[in-house]
Amino acid sequence: MSRPLNGVRVVELAGIGPGPHACMMLADLGAEVTRVLRPSEASEKDNAHTLRGRRRVVADLKDPADRDRVLDLISSADVLVEGFRPGVMERLGLGPDQAMARNPRLVFARMTGWGQHGPYARMAGHDINYISITGALHAIGTSEAPVPPLNLVGDYGGGSMLLVNGVLAALVQRGTTGRGQVVDAAMVDGASVLLAGILELRTDQTWNDTRSNNLLDGAAPFYRTYRCADGGFMAVGAIEPQFYALVVAGLELEAAALPDRDDPTCWPELTAVFAEAFDARPRSHWQSVFDGTDACVTPVLDFDEAAAHPHVAQRRSLTRDAAGFVAAGSAWRNLED
């Protein structure tokens, strides 16, 4: 099957987190990805998750002979992906100047947390650190404390997605200019871009800096989760009035007797009413009530349940690997999918 990146060759210098995740997506799009491993990583497992779709070579980048072998790979590649701290590639003799002198068409993609420049550029960090200084972490959690949103906002939403975006844009421009370029993808930048919509609400003064006090952070009774009688949860996202009306009807509540949904001072009282209603029946009941409607009410599923959900299963959004564990599917689709 022809995929958009068929024929594109990617060299990936082995790392963790967003770099491999980005290369997984490039491979899903059809790119031929060669992952360069350190000798200590030679026994790396070829699993069906973020490392899928690779061929592998082992090289000690501090050894001149191995470095030259990697430079030979880079010379015939379209994209190089690396995730070292700033300056490491240059010290190894594999920096943009050296690599692009051998291959002027190369897209040299760099994935870091802090970026190549700035006061924190050479400092260690993880997802939680990158999103903490952007304001994103402050906005997520309970009224008592921020809560890390897994490592989705920095590593993947703000990291690998930004890297793939930059690589694809650079490949498009290369089609016009014939020359590659350096892509500097930083998680701190990507996380900030993800905040654009929330910052716009803040500019419009419809968002404040108190957690659990806004439309999309769990404060609104029509945009939050509710516990059911069996301990399961339902997710409610009925922002629009017409969708909200369907929630009220499904819960068998009298709309005229409910507190004003558009008055935030009434939200705690309305939340309590909804919570009592959901808690009266098991999750399966509410799923049967709301499935197929525009109420924007869905079950909160664990990973095994999610993989078996009819919509997820049909689209292969989640699959199972050879050992039976849940794995991410490919987001790439063609007309036959």
C-alpha atoms as a PDB file:
ATOM      1  CA  MET A   1       0.000   0.000   0.000  1.00  0.00           C
ATOM      2  CA  SER A   2       1.359   3.425  -0.945  1.00  0.00           C
ATOM      3  CA  ARG A   3       1.817   5.752   2.008  1.00  0.00           C
ATOM      4  CA  PRO A   4       2.697   9.458   1.967  1.00  0.00           C
ATOM      5  CA  LEU A   5       6.313   8.992   3.069  1.00  0.00           C
ATOM      6  CA  ASN A   6       7.153   5.926   0.987  1.00  0.00           C
ATOM      7  CA  GLY A   7      10.741   6.382  -0.189  1.00  0.00           C
ATOM      8  CA  VAL A   8      11.684   8.839   2.578  1.00  0.00           C
ATOM      9  CA  ARG A   9      14.684   7.615   4.568  1.00  0.00           C
ATOM     10  CA  VAL A  10      15.023   8.547   8.242  1.00  0.00           C
ATOM     11  CA  VAL A  11      18.031   7.988  10.482  1.00  0.00           C
ATOM     12  CA  GLU A  12      17.078   7.977  14.168  1.00  0.00           C
ATOM     13  CA  LEU A  13      19.746   8.236  16.850  1.00  0.00           C
ATOM     14  CA  ALA A  14      18.297   6.119  19.629  1.00  0.00           C
ATOM     15  CA  GLY A  15      16.704   7.944  22.538  1.00  0.00           C
ATOM     16  CA  ILE A  16      13.578   7.777  24.672  1.00  0.00           C
ATOM     17  CA  GLY A  17      10.231   9.542  24.766  1.00  0.00           C
ATOM     18  CA  PRO A  18       9.219  11.914  21.992  1.00  0.00           C
ATOM     19  CA  GLY A  19      12.021  11.095  19.532  1.00  0.00           C
ATOM     20  CA  PRO A  20      11.060   7.423  19.151  1.00  0.00           C
ATOM     21  CA  HIS A  21       7.368   8.372  19.229  1.00  0.00           C
ATOM     22  CA  ALA A  22       7.896  10.806  16.351  1.00  0.00           C
ATOM     23  CA  CYS A  23       9.822   8.187  14.379  1.00  0.00           C
ATOM     24  CA  MET A  24       7.022   5.688  14.996  1.00  0.00           C
ATOM     25  CA  MET A  25       4.616   8.105  13.319  1.00  0.00           C
ATOM     26  CA  LEU A  26       7.016   8.730  10.439  1.00  0.00           C
ATOM     27  CA  ALA A  27       7.301   4.951   9.966  1.00  0.00           C
ATOM     28  CA  ASP A  28       3.507   4.633  10.097  1.00  0.00           C
ATOM     29  CA  LEU A  29       3.406   7.187   7.268  1.00  0.00           C
ATOM     30  CA  GLY A  30       5.665   4.971   5.186  1.00  0.00           C
ATOM     31  CA  ALA A  31       9.169   6.269   5.941  1.00  0.00           C
ATOM     32  CA  GLU A  32      12.073   3.817   6.092  1.00  0.00           C
ATOM     33  CA  VAL A  33      13.472   4.409   9.584  1.00  0.00           C
ATOM     34  CA  THR A  34      16.913   3.187  10.653  1.00  0.00           C
ATOM     35  CA  ARG A  35      17.474   3.354  14.397  1.00  0.00           C
ATOM     36  CA  VAL A  36      21.114   3.732  15.454  1.00  0.00           C
ATOM     37  CA  LEU A  37      21.760   2.066  18.806  1.00  0.00           C
ATOM     38  CA  ARG A  38      24.673   2.346  21.194  1.00  0.00           C
ATOM     39  CA  PRO A  39      26.499  -0.979  21.820  1.00  0.00           C
ATOM     40  CA  SER A  40      24.934  -1.069  25.284  1.00  0.00           C
ATOM     41  CA  GLU A  41      21.499  -0.951  23.649  1.00  0.00           C
ATOM     42  CA  ALA A  42      22.141  -3.723  21.099  1.00  0.00           C
ATOM     43  CA  SER A  43      19.726  -6.092  22.837  1.00  0.00           C
ATOM     44  CA  GLU A  44      16.844  -3.595  22.693  1.00  0.00           C
ATOM     45  CA  LYS A  45      13.538  -5.381  22.262  1.00  0.00           C
ATOM     46  CA  ASP A  46      11.753  -4.989  18.945  1.00  0.00           C
ATOM     47  CA  ASN A  47       8.313  -4.381  20.426  1.00  0.00           C
ATOM     48  CA  ALA A  48       5.124  -3.386  18.641  1.00  0.00           C
ATOM     49  CA  HIS A  49       4.791   0.006  20.242  1.00  0.00           C
ATOM     50  CA  THR A  50       6.915   3.154  19.831  1.00  0.00           C
ATOM     51  CA  LEU A  51       9.824   1.216  18.295  1.00  0.00           C
ATOM     52  CA  ARG A  52       7.819  -0.463  15.553  1.00  0.00           C
ATOM     53  CA  GLY A  53       8.656  -0.115  11.882  1.00  0.00           C
ATOM     54  CA  ARG A  54      12.450   0.117  12.275  1.00  0.00           C
ATOM     55  CA  ARG A  55      15.582  -1.487  11.016  1.00  0.00           C
ATOM     56  CA  ARG A  56      18.447  -1.271  13.498  1.00  0.00           C
ATOM     57  CA  VAL A  57      22.199  -0.770  13.376  1.00  0.00           C
ATOM     58  CA  VAL A  58      24.641  -0.608  16.282  1.00  0.00           C
ATOM     59  CA  ALA A  59      27.314   2.086  16.410  1.00  0.00           C
ATOM     60  CA  ASP A  60      29.549   3.662  19.027  1.00  0.00           C
ATOM     61  CA  LEU A  61      29.329   7.323  18.075  1.00  0.00           C
ATOM     62  CA  LYS A  62      32.564   8.051  19.952  1.00  0.00           C
ATOM     63  CA  ASP A  63      34.454   5.632  17.717  1.00  0.00           C
ATOM     64  CA  PRO A  64      35.698   7.421  14.550  1.00  0.00           C
ATOM     65  CA  ALA A  65      35.043   4.395  12.330  1.00  0.00           C
ATOM     66  CA  ASP A  66      31.480   3.977  13.612  1.00  0.00           C
ATOM     67  CA  ARG A  67      30.881   7.702  13.394  1.00  0.00           C
ATOM     68  CA  ASP A  68      31.906   7.616   9.747  1.00  0.00           C
ATOM     69  CA  ARG A  69      29.498   4.724   9.133  1.00  0.00           C
ATOM     70  CA  VAL A  70      26.691   6.812  10.609  1.00  0.00           C
ATOM     71  CA  LEU A  71      27.732   9.773   8.469  1.00  0.00           C
ATOM     72  CA  ASP A  72      27.465   7.488   5.452  1.00  0.00           C
ATOM     73  CA  LEU A  73      23.905   6.627   6.506  1.00  0.00           C
ATOM     74  CA  ILE A  74      23.115  10.305   6.940  1.00  0.00           C
ATOM     75  CA  SER A  75      24.578  11.102   3.532  1.00  0.00           C
ATOM     76  CA  SER A  76      21.826   9.115   1.827  1.00  0.00           C
ATOM     77  CA  ALA A  77      19.026   9.998   4.263  1.00  0.00           C
ATOM     78  CA  ASP A  78      16.241  12.531   3.957  1.00  0.00           C
ATOM     79  CA  VAL A  79      15.789  13.119   7.692  1.00  0.00           C
ATOM     80  CA  LEU A  80      17.970  12.780  10.791  1.00  0.00           C
ATOM     81  CA  VAL A  81      16.241  12.704  14.202  1.00  0.00           C
ATOM     82  CA  GLU A  82      18.295  13.222  17.365  1.00  0.00           C
ATOM     83  CA  GLY A  83      17.386  13.997  20.954  1.00  0.00           C
ATOM     84  CA  PHE A  84      20.691  14.744  22.682  1.00  0.00           C
ATOM     85  CA  ARG A  85      21.342  17.806  24.805  1.00  0.00           C
ATOM     86  CA  PRO A  86      22.544  20.883  22.907  1.00  0.00           C
ATOM     87  CA  GLY A  87      26.161  20.593  21.770  1.00  0.00           C
ATOM     88  CA  VAL A  88      26.455  16.804  21.986  1.00  0.00           C
ATOM     89  CA  MET A  89      26.026  16.182  18.256  1.00  0.00           C
ATOM     90  CA  GLU A  90      28.556  18.899  17.448  1.00  0.00           C
ATOM     91  CA  ARG A  91      31.122  17.348  19.813  1.00  0.00           C
ATOM     92  CA  LEU A  92      30.570  13.957  18.171  1.00  0.00           C
ATOM     93  CA  GLY A  93      31.273  15.464  14.767  1.00  0.00           C
ATOM     94  CA  LEU A  94      27.673  14.846  13.680  1.00  0.00           C
ATOM     95  CA  GLY A  95      26.227  18.339  14.071  1.00  0.00           C
ATOM     96  CA  PRO A  96      24.228  20.174  11.402  1.00  0.00           C
ATOM     97  CA  ASP A  97      27.328  21.712   9.793  1.00  0.00           C
ATOM     98  CA  GLN A  98      29.066  18.353   9.405  1.00  0.00           C
ATOM     99  CA  ALA A  99      25.960  16.391   8.404  1.00  0.00           C
ATOM    100  CA  MET A 100      24.577  18.946   5.960  1.00  0.00           C
ATOM    101  CA  ALA A 101      27.998  19.445   4.354  1.00  0.00           C
ATOM    102  CA  ARG A 102      27.725  15.790   3.348  1.00  0.00           C
ATOM    103  CA  ASN A 103      24.027  16.007   2.504  1.00  0.00           C
ATOM    104  CA  PRO A 104      22.630  19.504   1.773  1.00  0.00           C
ATOM    105  CA  ARG A 105      19.118  18.038   1.319  1.00  0.00           C
ATOM    106  CA  LEU A 106      19.045  16.685   4.873  1.00  0.00           C
ATOM    107  CA  VAL A 107      16.295  17.702   7.302  1.00  0.00           C
ATOM    108  CA  PHE A 108      18.175  17.764  10.622  1.00  0.00           C
ATOM    109  CA  ALA A 109      15.485  17.346  13.308  1.00  0.00           C
ATOM    110  CA  ARG A 110      16.416  18.066  16.920  1.00  0.00           C
ATOM    111  CA  MET A 111      14.150  17.075  19.818  1.00  0.00           C
ATOM    112  CA  THR A 112      14.821  18.593  23.237  1.00  0.00           C
ATOM    113  CA  GLY A 113      12.846  19.693  26.244  1.00  0.00           C
ATOM    114  CA  TRP A 114      14.169  23.230  26.577  1.00  0.00           C
ATOM    115  CA  GLY A 115      15.373  23.912  23.022  1.00  0.00           C
ATOM    116  CA  GLN A 116      18.844  24.575  21.650  1.00  0.00           C
ATOM    117  CA  HIS A 117      19.072  28.034  23.258  1.00  0.00           C
ATOM    118  CA  GLY A 118      17.946  29.756  26.459  1.00  0.00           C
ATOM    119  CA  PRO A 119      18.943  29.744  30.143  1.00  0.00           C
ATOM    120  CA  TYR A 120      17.671  26.179  30.682  1.00  0.00           C
ATOM    121  CA  ALA A 121      18.953  24.712  27.392  1.00  0.00           C
ATOM    122  CA  ARG A 122      21.627  22.506  28.970  1.00  0.00           C
ATOM    123  CA  MET A 123      19.620  21.551  32.063  1.00  0.00           C
ATOM    124  CA  ALA A 124      18.023  18.144  32.569  1.00  0.00           C
ATOM    125  CA  GLY A 125      14.261  17.885  32.695  1.00  0.00           C
ATOM    126  CA  HIS A 126      11.187  15.780  32.085  1.00  0.00           C
ATOM    127  CA  ASP A 127       7.668  16.397  30.802  1.00  0.00           C
ATOM    128  CA  ILE A 128       6.466  17.697  34.170  1.00  0.00           C
ATOM    129  CA  ASN A 129       9.237  20.326  34.191  1.00  0.00           C
ATOM    130  CA  TYR A 130       8.658  21.554  30.651  1.00  0.00           C
ATOM    131  CA  ILE A 131       4.940  22.071  31.221  1.00  0.00           C
ATOM    132  CA  SER A 132       5.422  23.566  34.679  1.00  0.00           C
ATOM    133  CA  ILE A 133       7.103  26.734  33.389  1.00  0.00           C
ATOM    134  CA  THR A 134       4.578  27.295  30.581  1.00  0.00           C
ATOM    135  CA  GLY A 135       1.532  27.587  32.847  1.00  0.00           C
ATOM    136  CA  ALA A 136       0.044  24.348  31.527  1.00  0.00           C
ATOM    137  CA  LEU A 137       0.659  22.339  34.701  1.00  0.00           C
ATOM    138  CA  HIS A 138      -0.699  25.132  36.889  1.00  0.00           C
ATOM    139  CA  ALA A 139      -4.010  24.955  35.008  1.00  0.00           C
ATOM    140  CA  ILE A 140      -4.461  21.173  35.261  1.00  0.00           C
ATOM    141  CA  GLY A 141      -5.586  19.375  38.400  1.00  0.00           C
ATOM    142  CA  THR A 142      -7.753  19.865  41.432  1.00  0.00           C
ATOM    143  CA  SER A 143      -8.350  23.044  43.360  1.00  0.00           C
ATOM    144  CA  GLU A 144      -5.821  21.758  45.913  1.00  0.00           C
ATOM    145  CA  ALA A 145      -2.877  20.937  43.640  1.00  0.00           C
ATOM    146  CA  PRO A 146      -1.683  20.621  40.032  1.00  0.00           C
ATOM    147  CA  VAL A 147      -1.814  17.059  38.663  1.00  0.00           C
ATOM    148  CA  PRO A 148       0.563  15.793  35.933  1.00  0.00           C
ATOM    149  CA  PRO A 149      -1.516  14.892  32.837  1.00  0.00           C
ATOM    150  CA  LEU A 150       0.534  11.714  32.280  1.00  0.00           C
ATOM    151  CA  ASN A 151       3.369  12.782  29.956  1.00  0.00           C
ATOM    152  CA  LEU A 152       1.054  13.696  27.106  1.00  0.00           C
ATOM    153  CA  VAL A 153       1.337  17.492  27.029  1.00  0.00           C
ATOM    154  CA  GLY A 154       5.117  17.940  27.004  1.00  0.00           C
ATOM    155  CA  ASP A 155       6.626  14.749  25.607  1.00  0.00           C
ATOM    156  CA  TYR A 156       4.053  13.884  22.993  1.00  0.00           C
ATOM    157  CA  GLY A 157       1.559  16.681  22.312  1.00  0.00           C
ATOM    158  CA  GLY A 158       4.209  19.377  22.610  1.00  0.00           C
ATOM    159  CA  GLY A 159       7.187  17.232  21.645  1.00  0.00           C
ATOM    160  CA  SER A 160       6.807  14.472  19.072  1.00  0.00           C
ATOM    161  CA  MET A 161       3.812  16.085  17.356  1.00  0.00           C
ATOM    162  CA  LEU A 162       5.765  19.336  16.983  1.00  0.00           C
ATOM    163  CA  LEU A 163       8.775  17.417  15.661  1.00  0.00           C
ATOM    164  CA  VAL A 164       6.726  15.553  13.037  1.00  0.00           C
ATOM    165  CA  ASN A 165       5.035  18.822  12.048  1.00  0.00           C
ATOM    166  CA  GLY A 166       8.429  20.460  11.534  1.00  0.00           C
ATOM    167  CA  VAL A 167       9.876  17.523   9.605  1.00  0.00           C
ATOM    168  CA  LEU A 168       6.926  17.378   7.222  1.00  0.00           C
ATOM    169  CA  ALA A 169       7.014  21.149   6.661  1.00  0.00           C
ATOM    170  CA  ALA A 170      10.761  21.023   5.978  1.00  0.00           C
ATOM    171  CA  LEU A 171      10.293  18.187   3.475  1.00  0.00           C
ATOM    172  CA  VAL A 172       7.629  20.217   1.674  1.00  0.00           C
ATOM    173  CA  GLN A 173       9.907  23.270   1.489  1.00  0.00           C
ATOM    174  CA  ARG A 174      12.809  21.121   0.310  1.00  0.00           C
ATOM    175  CA  GLY A 175      10.653  20.134  -2.637  1.00  0.00           C
ATOM    176  CA  THR A 176      10.787  23.781  -3.707  1.00  0.00           C
ATOM    177  CA  THR A 177      14.287  24.825  -2.666  1.00  0.00           C
ATOM    178  CA  GLY A 178      16.150  21.535  -2.975  1.00  0.00           C
ATOM    179  CA  ARG A 179      17.806  22.177   0.390  1.00  0.00           C
ATOM    180  CA  GLY A 180      17.229  20.785   3.865  1.00  0.00           C
ATOM    181  CA  GLN A 181      17.170  22.706   7.116  1.00  0.00           C
ATOM    182  CA  VAL A 182      17.442  22.330  10.878  1.00  0.00           C
ATOM    183  CA  VAL A 183      14.208  21.702  12.781  1.00  0.00           C
ATOM    184  CA  ASP A 184      14.524  22.756  16.438  1.00  0.00           C
ATOM    185  CA  ALA A 185      11.581  21.141  18.234  1.00  0.00           C
ATOM    186  CA  ALA A 186      11.378  21.933  21.950  1.00  0.00           C
ATOM    187  CA  MET A 187       8.731  20.592  24.309  1.00  0.00           C
ATOM    188  CA  VAL A 188       8.522  23.899  26.155  1.00  0.00           C
ATOM    189  CA  ASP A 189       7.593  25.571  22.858  1.00  0.00           C
ATOM    190  CA  GLY A 190       5.157  22.863  21.806  1.00  0.00           C
ATOM    191  CA  ALA A 191       3.362  22.866  25.162  1.00  0.00           C
ATOM    192  CA  SER A 192       2.982  26.643  24.851  1.00  0.00           C
ATOM    193  CA  VAL A 193       1.445  26.260  21.382  1.00  0.00           C
ATOM    194  CA  LEU A 194      -1.046  23.747  22.783  1.00  0.00           C
ATOM    195  CA  LEU A 195      -2.187  26.418  25.243  1.00  0.00           C
ATOM    196  CA  ALA A 196      -3.272  28.847  22.501  1.00  0.00           C
ATOM    197  CA  GLY A 197      -6.997  28.198  22.927  1.00  0.00           C
ATOM    198  CA  ILE A 198      -6.927  28.447  26.714  1.00  0.00           C
ATOM    199  CA  LEU A 199      -4.844  31.636  26.593  1.00  0.00           C
ATOM    200  CA  GLU A 200      -7.364  33.083  24.171  1.00  0.00           C
ATOM    201  CA  LEU A 201     -10.158  32.403  26.684  1.00  0.00           C
ATOM    202  CA  ARG A 202      -7.985  34.023  29.347  1.00  0.00           C
ATOM    203  CA  THR A 203      -7.505  37.085  27.135  1.00  0.00           C
ATOM    204  CA  ASP A 204     -11.277  37.247  26.682  1.00  0.00           C
ATOM    205  CA  GLN A 205     -11.581  37.091  30.495  1.00  0.00           C
ATOM    206  CA  THR A 206     -13.629  33.909  30.313  1.00  0.00           C
ATOM    207  CA  TRP A 207     -10.861  31.877  31.990  1.00  0.00           C
ATOM    208  CA  ASN A 208      -9.230  32.534  35.338  1.00  0.00           C
ATOM    209  CA  ASP A 209      -6.078  31.155  36.930  1.00  0.00           C
ATOM    210  CA  THR A 210      -7.844  29.211  39.686  1.00  0.00           C
ATOM    211  CA  ARG A 211      -7.900  25.482  38.978  1.00  0.00           C
ATOM    212  CA  SER A 212     -11.262  23.683  38.878  1.00  0.00           C
ATOM    213  CA  ASN A 213     -13.017  26.982  38.371  1.00  0.00           C
ATOM    214  CA  ASN A 214     -13.414  27.136  34.596  1.00  0.00           C
ATOM    215  CA  LEU A 215     -15.432  25.762  31.720  1.00  0.00           C
ATOM    216  CA  LEU A 216     -12.997  23.024  30.658  1.00  0.00           C
ATOM    217  CA  ASP A 217     -11.167  22.099  33.871  1.00  0.00           C
ATOM    218  CA  GLY A 218     -13.861  20.071  35.634  1.00  0.00           C
ATOM    219  CA  ALA A 219     -15.743  22.885  37.348  1.00  0.00           C
ATOM    220  CA  ALA A 220     -18.653  23.067  34.911  1.00  0.00           C
ATOM    221  CA  PRO A 221     -21.297  20.415  35.705  1.00  0.00           C
ATOM    222  CA  PHE A 222     -21.731  19.764  31.996  1.00  0.00           C
ATOM    223  CA  TYR A 223     -17.987  19.183  31.366  1.00  0.00           C
ATOM    224  CA  ARG A 224     -16.663  16.704  33.890  1.00  0.00           C
ATOM    225  CA  THR A 225     -16.871  13.059  34.976  1.00  0.00           C
ATOM    226  CA  TYR A 226     -19.410  11.400  37.260  1.00  0.00           C
ATOM    227  CA  ARG A 227     -19.201   8.225  39.328  1.00  0.00           C
ATOM    228  CA  CYS A 228     -21.837   5.581  38.675  1.00  0.00           C
ATOM    229  CA  ALA A 229     -23.419   3.035  41.016  1.00  0.00           C
ATOM    230  CA  ASP A 230     -20.902   0.312  40.096  1.00  0.00           C
ATOM    231  CA  GLY A 231     -17.843   2.545  40.607  1.00  0.00           C
ATOM    232  CA  GLY A 232     -17.403   3.266  36.895  1.00  0.00           C
ATOM    233  CA  PHE A 233     -17.427   6.782  35.480  1.00  0.00           C
ATOM    234  CA  MET A 234     -19.165   8.636  32.671  1.00  0.00           C
ATOM    235  CA  ALA A 235     -17.661  11.625  30.857  1.00  0.00           C
ATOM    236  CA  VAL A 236     -20.003  14.534  30.147  1.00  0.00           C
ATOM    237  CA  GLY A 237     -19.043  17.147  27.534  1.00  0.00           C
ATOM    238  CA  ALA A 238     -22.378  18.843  26.848  1.00  0.00           C
ATOM    239  CA  ILE A 239     -21.215  22.431  26.422  1.00  0.00           C
ATOM    240  CA  GLU A 240     -23.821  23.498  23.868  1.00  0.00           C
ATOM    241  CA  PRO A 241     -27.389  24.033  25.168  1.00  0.00           C
ATOM    242  CA  GLN A 242     -28.928  21.526  22.747  1.00  0.00           C
ATOM    243  CA  PHE A 243     -26.534  18.811  23.913  1.00  0.00           C
ATOM    244  CA  TYR A 244     -27.080  19.757  27.550  1.00  0.00           C
ATOM    245  CA  ALA A 245     -30.829  19.349  27.069  1.00  0.00           C
ATOM    246  CA  LEU A 246     -30.252  15.750  25.954  1.00  0.00           C
ATOM    247  CA  VAL A 247     -28.225  15.048  29.110  1.00  0.00           C
ATOM    248  CA  VAL A 248     -31.008  16.389  31.289  1.00  0.00           C
ATOM    249  CA  ALA A 249     -33.569  14.287  29.434  1.00  0.00           C
ATOM    250  CA  GLY A 250     -31.410  11.156  29.638  1.00  0.00           C
ATOM    251  CA  LEU A 251     -30.998  11.603  33.376  1.00  0.00           C
ATOM    252  CA  GLU A 252     -34.793  12.002  33.638  1.00  0.00           C
ATOM    253  CA  LEU A 253     -34.483  15.374  35.338  1.00  0.00           C
ATOM    254  CA  GLU A 254     -36.925  18.266  35.131  1.00  0.00           C
ATOM    255  CA  ALA A 255     -35.117  21.045  33.278  1.00  0.00           C
ATOM    256  CA  ALA A 256     -37.185  23.855  34.775  1.00  0.00           C
ATOM    257  CA  ALA A 257     -36.304  22.737  38.307  1.00  0.00           C
ATOM    258  CA  LEU A 258     -32.528  22.759  37.762  1.00  0.00           C
ATOM    259  CA  PRO A 259     -30.152  25.566  38.773  1.00  0.00           C
ATOM    260  CA  ASP A 260     -29.055  27.933  35.995  1.00  0.00           C
ATOM    261  CA  ARG A 261     -26.306  26.181  34.037  1.00  0.00           C
ATOM    262  CA  ASP A 262     -25.002  29.498  32.690  1.00  0.00           C
ATOM    263  CA  ASP A 263     -24.374  30.945  36.153  1.00  0.00           C
ATOM    264  CA  PRO A 264     -21.044  29.638  37.557  1.00  0.00           C
ATOM    265  CA  THR A 265     -22.258  30.333  41.101  1.00  0.00           C
ATOM    266  CA  CYS A 266     -24.875  27.618  40.506  1.00  0.00           C
ATOM    267  CA  TRP A 267     -22.399  25.032  39.254  1.00  0.00           C
ATOM    268  CA  PRO A 268     -21.753  23.297  42.613  1.00  0.00           C
ATOM    269  CA  GLU A 269     -25.502  22.811  43.184  1.00  0.00           C
ATOM    270  CA  LEU A 270     -26.092  21.553  39.637  1.00  0.00           C
ATOM    271  CA  THR A 271     -23.084  19.242  39.882  1.00  0.00           C
ATOM    272  CA  ALA A 272     -24.548  17.692  43.018  1.00  0.00           C
ATOM    273  CA  VAL A 273     -27.844  17.024  41.222  1.00  0.00           C
ATOM    274  CA  PHE A 274     -26.094  15.376  38.281  1.00  0.00           C
ATOM    275  CA  ALA A 275     -23.841  13.370  40.620  1.00  0.00           C
ATOM    276  CA  GLU A 276     -26.826  11.974  42.478  1.00  0.00           C
ATOM    277  CA  ALA A 277     -28.520  10.985  39.224  1.00  0.00           C
ATOM    278  CA  PHE A 278     -25.475   9.216  37.781  1.00  0.00           C
ATOM    279  CA  ASP A 279     -24.770   7.452  41.069  1.00  0.00           C
ATOM    280  CA  ALA A 280     -28.194   5.822  40.980  1.00  0.00           C
ATOM    281  CA  ARG A 281     -27.407   3.477  38.066  1.00  0.00           C
ATOM    282  CA  PRO A 282     -24.366   1.492  36.828  1.00  0.00           C
ATOM    283  CA  ARG A 283     -22.181   2.742  33.999  1.00  0.00           C
ATOM    284  CA  SER A 284     -23.629   0.196  31.568  1.00  0.00           C
ATOM    285  CA  HIS A 285     -27.085   1.698  32.049  1.00  0.00           C
ATOM    286  CA  TRP A 286     -25.917   5.211  31.247  1.00  0.00           C
ATOM    287  CA  GLN A 287     -23.951   3.976  28.271  1.00  0.00           C
ATOM    288  CA  SER A 288     -27.107   2.373  26.872  1.00  0.00           C
ATOM    289  CA  VAL A 289     -29.035   5.610  27.468  1.00  0.00           C
ATOM    290  CA  PHE A 290     -26.559   7.943  25.775  1.00  0.00           C
ATOM    291  CA  ASP A 291     -24.892   5.828  23.066  1.00  0.00           C
ATOM    292  CA  GLY A 292     -25.857   7.082  19.631  1.00  0.00           C
ATOM    293  CA  THR A 293     -27.147  10.428  20.903  1.00  0.00           C
ATOM    294  CA  ASP A 294     -25.728  13.948  20.675  1.00  0.00           C
ATOM    295  CA  ALA A 295     -25.612  14.312  24.459  1.00  0.00           C
ATOM    296  CA  CYS A 296     -21.793  14.070  24.400  1.00  0.00           C
ATOM    297  CA  VAL A 297     -21.839  11.508  27.211  1.00  0.00           C
ATOM    298  CA  THR A 298     -19.466   8.541  26.989  1.00  0.00           C
ATOM    299  CA  PRO A 299     -18.071   5.885  29.342  1.00  0.00           C
ATOM    300  CA  VAL A 300     -14.631   6.337  30.876  1.00  0.00           C
ATOM    301  CA  LEU A 301     -12.878   3.136  29.815  1.00  0.00           C
ATOM    302  CA  ASP A 302      -9.671   1.532  30.986  1.00  0.00           C
ATOM    303  CA  PHE A 303      -7.179   0.465  28.305  1.00  0.00           C
ATOM    304  CA  ASP A 304      -8.494  -3.080  27.890  1.00  0.00           C
ATOM    305  CA  GLU A 305     -12.080  -1.856  27.704  1.00  0.00           C
ATOM    306  CA  ALA A 306     -11.051   0.860  25.253  1.00  0.00           C
ATOM    307  CA  ALA A 307      -9.413  -1.631  22.877  1.00  0.00           C
ATOM    308  CA  ALA A 308     -12.658  -3.641  22.794  1.00  0.00           C
ATOM    309  CA  HIS A 309     -14.949  -0.642  22.254  1.00  0.00           C
ATOM    310  CA  PRO A 310     -16.760  -1.066  18.905  1.00  0.00           C
ATOM    311  CA  HIS A 311     -15.720   2.326  17.513  1.00  0.00           C
ATOM    312  CA  VAL A 312     -12.093   2.048  18.626  1.00  0.00           C
ATOM    313  CA  ALA A 313     -11.859  -1.551  17.435  1.00  0.00           C
ATOM    314  CA  GLN A 314     -13.350  -0.833  14.017  1.00  0.00           C
ATOM    315  CA  ARG A 315     -10.944   2.045  13.399  1.00  0.00           C
ATOM    316  CA  ARG A 316      -8.039   0.101  14.945  1.00  0.00           C
ATOM    317  CA  SER A 317      -7.215   3.164  17.042  1.00  0.00           C
ATOM    318  CA  LEU A 318      -5.975   0.698  19.645  1.00  0.00           C
ATOM    319  CA  THR A 319      -4.745  -2.777  18.746  1.00  0.00           C
ATOM    320  CA  ARG A 320      -3.041  -5.651  20.525  1.00  0.00           C
ATOM    321  CA  ASP A 321       0.569  -6.678  20.057  1.00  0.00           C
ATOM    322  CA  ALA A 322       1.823 -10.230  19.581  1.00  0.00           C
ATOM    323  CA  ALA A 323       1.788 -10.785  23.345  1.00  0.00           C
ATOM    324  CA  GLY A 324      -1.799  -9.569  23.650  1.00  0.00           C
ATOM    325  CA  PHE A 325      -1.038  -6.204  25.225  1.00  0.00           C
ATOM    326  CA  VAL A 326      -2.901  -3.080  24.132  1.00  0.00           C
ATOM    327  CA  ALA A 327      -0.896  -0.959  21.684  1.00  0.00           C
ATOM    328  CA  ALA A 328      -1.505   2.305  19.869  1.00  0.00           C
ATOM    329  CA  GLY A 329      -2.720   1.892  16.322  1.00  0.00           C
ATOM    330  CA  SER A 330      -1.605   4.005  13.392  1.00  0.00           C
ATOM    331  CA  ALA A 331      -3.438   7.299  13.010  1.00  0.00           C
ATOM    332  CA  TRP A 332      -2.708   7.299   9.271  1.00  0.00           C
ATOM    333  CA  ARG A 333      -5.742   6.490   7.138  1.00  0.00           C
ATOM    334  CA  ASN A 334      -6.423   6.100   3.444  1.00  0.00           C
ATOM    335  CA  LEU A 335      -9.758   5.896   1.652  1.00  0.00           C
ATOM    336  CA  GLU A 336     -10.040   2.166   2.301  1.00  0.00           C
ATOM    337  CA  ASP A 337      -9.624   2.513   6.077  1.00  0.00           C
END
